[in-house]
Each structure stands twice: as C-alpha cells, then as structure tokens.
Amino acid sequence: MLNPTDSFGLRGNPHPDLDRVLIPAHEIRERVQALGQQISRDYAEVEDILLVGILKGA
C-alpha cells in the first residue's frame, strides 16, 4: 500500500473520486528531474530551442 501522505503532498486521498494514487509524487519528481537533465545534456550545444507541446485527450 502506498503512503497516503505522498499523495502529491496531501494527507489521505487527494480527491474523493480517487481510490488510490498510482504513481507517488516522489516518483514523478524524480522522473521529471531525470528528463530535464537528459534534455540539458542533449541540447547543451544548441543556442536557441523551440519546444511545442501538444495536449490531446480528455
């Protein structure tokens, strides 16, 4: 069972509609940090970079 205090920094369930947290906040933070470091290494020599995000779903 996941630690309920790691539900995005909230105690208990973060929302009444949620049964449980599938990915704890610390895992998301660690992965985002790792991706940021990888992007920084991959594009260290690039002066200008343009990122375009496309949201699709819901």
N, C-alpha and C. Protein backbone atom coordinates (compact mmCIF):
# COMPACT_ATOMS: atom_id res chain seq x y z
N MET A 1 0.85 -1.19 0.00
CA MET A 1 0.00 0.00 0.00
C MET A 1 0.87 1.23 0.00
N LEU A 2 0.49 2.22 -0.77
CA LEU A 2 1.24 3.46 -0.87
C LEU A 2 1.03 4.31 0.37
N ASN A 3 2.04 5.11 0.68
CA ASN A 3 1.95 6.03 1.79
C ASN A 3 0.97 7.14 1.44
N PRO A 4 -0.13 7.29 2.18
CA PRO A 4 -1.13 8.31 1.82
C PRO A 4 -0.60 9.73 1.94
N THR A 5 0.45 9.96 2.70
CA THR A 5 1.00 11.31 2.82
C THR A 5 1.81 11.68 1.59
N ASP A 6 2.06 10.73 0.68
CA ASP A 6 2.80 11.03 -0.54
C ASP A 6 1.85 11.27 -1.71
N SER A 7 0.60 11.47 -1.44
CA SER A 7 -0.39 11.73 -2.48
C SER A 7 -0.32 13.19 -2.89
N PHE A 8 0.77 13.53 -3.58
CA PHE A 8 1.01 14.89 -4.04
C PHE A 8 1.04 15.86 -2.87
N GLY A 9 1.61 15.41 -1.77
CA GLY A 9 1.80 16.28 -0.62
C GLY A 9 0.56 16.43 0.25
N LEU A 10 -0.50 15.74 -0.06
CA LEU A 10 -1.74 15.84 0.72
C LEU A 10 -1.89 14.63 1.62
N ARG A 11 -2.54 14.82 2.73
CA ARG A 11 -2.83 13.69 3.62
C ARG A 11 -4.11 13.02 3.14
N GLY A 12 -4.14 11.69 3.20
CA GLY A 12 -5.30 10.96 2.74
C GLY A 12 -5.44 11.02 1.24
N ASN A 13 -6.60 10.71 0.72
CA ASN A 13 -6.83 10.77 -0.72
C ASN A 13 -6.88 12.23 -1.16
N PRO A 14 -6.21 12.57 -2.25
CA PRO A 14 -6.20 13.95 -2.71
C PRO A 14 -7.56 14.44 -3.21
N HIS A 15 -8.45 13.53 -3.57
CA HIS A 15 -9.77 13.90 -4.08
C HIS A 15 -10.73 12.75 -3.76
N PRO A 16 -11.97 13.05 -3.38
CA PRO A 16 -12.90 11.97 -3.01
C PRO A 16 -13.19 10.98 -4.14
N ASP A 17 -13.01 11.38 -5.39
CA ASP A 17 -13.27 10.47 -6.51
C ASP A 17 -12.14 9.47 -6.73
N LEU A 18 -11.01 9.67 -6.08
CA LEU A 18 -9.85 8.80 -6.28
C LEU A 18 -9.82 7.70 -5.23
N ASP A 19 -9.56 6.49 -5.71
CA ASP A 19 -9.44 5.35 -4.81
C ASP A 19 -8.03 5.24 -4.24
N ARG A 20 -7.03 5.48 -5.11
CA ARG A 20 -5.63 5.37 -4.68
C ARG A 20 -4.75 6.13 -5.67
N VAL A 21 -3.54 6.39 -5.25
CA VAL A 21 -2.56 7.06 -6.09
C VAL A 21 -1.73 5.99 -6.79
N LEU A 22 -1.68 6.02 -8.11
CA LEU A 22 -0.94 5.01 -8.87
C LEU A 22 0.55 5.32 -8.93
N ILE A 23 0.90 6.59 -9.08
CA ILE A 23 2.31 6.98 -9.17
C ILE A 23 2.56 8.03 -8.08
N PRO A 24 3.33 7.68 -7.07
CA PRO A 24 3.59 8.63 -5.98
C PRO A 24 4.31 9.88 -6.47
N ALA A 25 4.07 10.98 -5.78
CA ALA A 25 4.64 12.27 -6.18
C ALA A 25 6.16 12.22 -6.27
N HIS A 26 6.82 11.51 -5.38
CA HIS A 26 8.28 11.49 -5.42
C HIS A 26 8.80 10.80 -6.69
N GLU A 27 8.08 9.81 -7.19
CA GLU A 27 8.49 9.15 -8.43
C GLU A 27 8.34 10.09 -9.62
N ILE A 28 7.27 10.87 -9.63
CA ILE A 28 7.06 11.84 -10.71
C ILE A 28 8.15 12.90 -10.67
N ARG A 29 8.45 13.43 -9.46
CA ARG A 29 9.51 14.44 -9.32
C ARG A 29 10.85 13.91 -9.80
N GLU A 30 11.20 12.68 -9.41
CA GLU A 30 12.48 12.09 -9.81
C GLU A 30 12.57 11.93 -11.33
N ARG A 31 11.49 11.47 -11.95
CA ARG A 31 11.49 11.25 -13.40
C ARG A 31 11.57 12.57 -14.16
N VAL A 32 10.83 13.58 -13.70
CA VAL A 32 10.87 14.89 -14.35
C VAL A 32 12.28 15.47 -14.24
N GLN A 33 12.92 15.32 -13.08
CA GLN A 33 14.28 15.82 -12.90
C GLN A 33 15.24 15.09 -13.84
N ALA A 34 15.11 13.78 -13.95
CA ALA A 34 15.98 12.99 -14.83
C ALA A 34 15.78 13.41 -16.30
N LEU A 35 14.53 13.61 -16.70
CA LEU A 35 14.26 14.04 -18.08
C LEU A 35 14.84 15.42 -18.34
N GLY A 36 14.73 16.33 -17.38
CA GLY A 36 15.30 17.66 -17.54
C GLY A 36 16.81 17.62 -17.70
N GLN A 37 17.47 16.76 -16.91
CA GLN A 37 18.92 16.62 -17.03
C GLN A 37 19.31 16.04 -18.38
N GLN A 38 18.56 15.06 -18.86
CA GLN A 38 18.84 14.46 -20.17
C GLN A 38 18.67 15.47 -21.29
N ILE A 39 17.60 16.25 -21.22
CA ILE A 39 17.37 17.29 -22.24
C ILE A 39 18.50 18.31 -22.21
N SER A 40 18.93 18.71 -21.02
CA SER A 40 20.02 19.68 -20.89
C SER A 40 21.30 19.14 -21.52
N ARG A 41 21.59 17.86 -21.32
CA ARG A 41 22.78 17.26 -21.93
C ARG A 41 22.64 17.17 -23.44
N ASP A 42 21.49 16.73 -23.91
CA ASP A 42 21.28 16.52 -25.34
C ASP A 42 21.34 17.83 -26.13
N TYR A 43 20.92 18.93 -25.52
CA TYR A 43 20.85 20.19 -26.24
C TYR A 43 21.81 21.24 -25.68
N ALA A 44 22.87 20.81 -25.02
CA ALA A 44 23.83 21.73 -24.41
C ALA A 44 24.48 22.64 -25.45
N GLU A 45 24.69 22.15 -26.66
CA GLU A 45 25.36 22.93 -27.71
C GLU A 45 24.40 23.77 -28.54
N VAL A 46 23.12 23.68 -28.31
CA VAL A 46 22.13 24.40 -29.09
C VAL A 46 21.85 25.74 -28.41
N GLU A 47 21.98 26.83 -29.17
CA GLU A 47 21.74 28.15 -28.58
C GLU A 47 20.26 28.45 -28.38
N ASP A 48 19.47 28.28 -29.41
CA ASP A 48 18.04 28.55 -29.34
C ASP A 48 17.28 27.26 -29.61
N ILE A 49 16.31 27.00 -28.78
CA ILE A 49 15.48 25.81 -28.97
C ILE A 49 14.02 26.21 -28.81
N LEU A 50 13.19 25.69 -29.66
CA LEU A 50 11.75 25.94 -29.61
C LEU A 50 11.06 24.62 -29.34
N LEU A 51 10.32 24.57 -28.27
CA LEU A 51 9.57 23.37 -27.91
C LEU A 51 8.10 23.65 -28.12
N VAL A 52 7.41 22.71 -28.75
CA VAL A 52 5.98 22.83 -28.97
C VAL A 52 5.32 21.64 -28.29
N GLY A 53 4.44 21.92 -27.37
CA GLY A 53 3.71 20.86 -26.68
C GLY A 53 2.30 20.75 -27.23
N ILE A 54 1.87 19.53 -27.46
CA ILE A 54 0.52 19.30 -27.98
C ILE A 54 -0.21 18.44 -26.95
N LEU A 55 -1.28 18.97 -26.44
CA LEU A 55 -2.09 18.23 -25.49
C LEU A 55 -3.25 17.60 -26.22
N LYS A 56 -3.45 16.31 -26.02
CA LYS A 56 -4.52 15.63 -26.70
C LYS A 56 -5.16 14.65 -25.70
N GLY A 57 -6.43 14.60 -25.70
CA GLY A 57 -7.10 13.68 -24.82
C GLY A 57 -8.26 14.34 -24.11
N ALA A 58 -8.75 13.65 -23.13
CA ALA A 58 -9.88 14.09 -22.31
C ALA A 58 -10.66 15.15 -23.02
